[in-house]
Amino acid sequence: MDTLSKIKEQIAENSIILYMKGTPEQPHCGFSARAVRYLNQCGKPYASVDVLDHPDIRAELPKYANWPTFPQLYIKGELIGGSDIIAELFEQGDLQSMVESVV
């Protein structure tokens, strides 16, 4: 399976998926740690992909998403954004609603 197909499959199979540097248990950058903190406060499980362990995804995903940085959060197949957008949505109460809408 090529990298783009793998990315599309991951996004399709996971209602909430975070592409990040590191893991939720051990983020490897402040932006990923911030995204994890807000997602964890929403209280729903989510999938994650460590782009440091998958250089092919790290190289391909920014082109696919037209979003140059990590983390990247997808909910129900839609790119939500990175750390700043995640924080803003959380502070407005919108991230919680988006996460709760996932069955």
Protein backbone atom coordinates (compact mmCIF):
# COMPACT_ATOMS: atom_id res chain seq x y z
CA MET A 1 0.00 0.00 0.00
CA ASP A 2 1.41 3.38 -0.89
CA THR A 3 1.69 6.15 1.70
CA LEU A 4 -1.23 8.24 0.44
CA SER A 5 -3.53 5.20 0.50
CA LYS A 6 -2.34 4.40 4.03
CA ILE A 7 -3.12 7.97 5.18
CA LYS A 8 -6.57 7.90 3.59
CA GLU A 9 -7.30 4.54 5.20
CA GLN A 10 -6.19 5.73 8.65
CA ILE A 11 -8.37 8.82 8.42
CA ALA A 12 -11.36 6.80 7.17
CA GLU A 13 -11.03 4.10 9.84
CA ASN A 14 -10.61 6.44 12.83
CA SER A 15 -13.31 8.93 13.74
CA ILE A 16 -10.71 10.98 15.63
CA ILE A 17 -7.05 10.78 14.67
CA LEU A 18 -4.13 12.96 15.63
CA TYR A 19 -0.96 12.98 13.57
CA MET A 20 1.69 14.18 15.98
CA LYS A 21 5.33 14.10 16.97
CA GLY A 22 5.62 11.41 19.62
CA THR A 23 2.75 9.63 21.33
CA PRO A 24 -0.06 10.88 23.58
CA GLU A 25 1.83 9.36 26.50
CA GLN A 26 5.10 11.00 25.46
CA PRO A 27 4.74 13.92 23.04
CA HIS A 28 8.01 15.06 21.45
CA CYS A 29 7.11 18.69 20.88
CA GLY A 30 5.19 21.34 22.75
CA PHE A 31 2.58 21.72 20.03
CA SER A 32 1.76 18.01 20.07
CA ALA A 33 1.67 18.05 23.89
CA ARG A 34 -0.80 20.94 23.79
CA ALA A 35 -3.06 19.14 21.28
CA VAL A 36 -3.01 15.97 23.40
CA ARG A 37 -3.84 17.92 26.56
CA TYR A 38 -6.96 19.43 24.99
CA LEU A 39 -8.06 16.19 23.34
CA ASN A 40 -7.61 14.26 26.59
CA GLN A 41 -9.79 16.80 28.40
CA CYS A 42 -12.59 16.00 25.94
CA GLY A 43 -12.64 12.48 27.38
CA LYS A 44 -13.11 10.41 24.22
CA PRO A 45 -10.62 7.89 22.85
CA TYR A 46 -8.72 8.83 19.72
CA ALA A 47 -6.12 7.30 17.46
CA SER A 48 -2.70 8.78 16.95
CA VAL A 49 0.18 8.36 14.54
CA ASP A 50 3.73 9.29 15.50
CA VAL A 51 5.09 10.96 12.37
CA LEU A 52 8.62 10.68 13.77
CA ASP A 53 8.29 6.89 13.47
CA HIS A 54 6.73 7.17 10.00
CA PRO A 55 8.86 9.50 7.84
CA ASP A 56 6.80 8.58 4.77
CA ILE A 57 3.62 9.90 6.43
CA ARG A 58 5.52 12.92 7.78
CA ALA A 59 6.56 13.78 4.22
CA GLU A 60 3.27 13.00 2.46
CA LEU A 61 0.57 14.23 4.86
CA PRO A 62 1.38 17.96 4.57
CA LYS A 63 0.96 17.73 0.78
CA TYR A 64 -2.26 15.74 1.07
CA ALA A 65 -3.76 18.04 3.69
CA ASN A 66 -2.30 21.27 2.35
CA TRP A 67 -1.26 21.88 5.97
CA PRO A 68 2.50 22.17 6.54
CA THR A 69 2.90 21.47 10.25
CA PHE A 70 2.19 18.91 12.94
CA PRO A 71 0.10 18.08 14.85
CA GLN A 72 -2.85 17.60 12.51
CA LEU A 73 -6.22 16.63 13.95
CA TYR A 74 -8.91 14.92 11.87
CA ILE A 75 -12.46 14.38 13.09
CA LYS A 76 -14.84 12.33 10.96
CA GLY A 77 -12.45 12.57 8.01
CA GLU A 78 -12.13 16.34 8.11
CA LEU A 79 -8.92 18.22 8.88
CA ILE A 80 -9.61 20.38 11.92
CA GLY A 81 -6.17 21.94 12.16
CA GLY A 82 -3.12 22.16 14.34
CA SER A 83 -2.29 23.11 17.89
CA ASP A 84 -3.47 26.73 17.80
CA ILE A 85 -6.81 25.85 16.20
CA ILE A 86 -7.33 22.94 18.59
CA ALA A 87 -6.69 25.26 21.56
CA GLU A 88 -9.01 27.95 20.19
CA LEU A 89 -11.80 25.45 19.52
CA PHE A 90 -11.40 23.99 23.01
CA GLU A 91 -11.53 27.40 24.69
CA GLN A 92 -14.72 28.20 22.78
CA GLY A 93 -16.27 24.85 23.72
CA ASP A 94 -16.44 23.77 20.10
CA LEU A 95 -13.83 21.01 20.26
CA GLN A 96 -15.79 19.25 22.99
CA SER A 97 -18.93 19.37 20.82
CA MET A 98 -17.05 18.06 17.79
CA VAL A 99 -15.58 15.19 19.79
CA GLU A 100 -18.95 14.40 21.41
CA SER A 101 -20.59 14.20 17.98
CA VAL A 102 -18.43 11.18 17.14
CA VAL A 103 -20.31 7.95 17.73
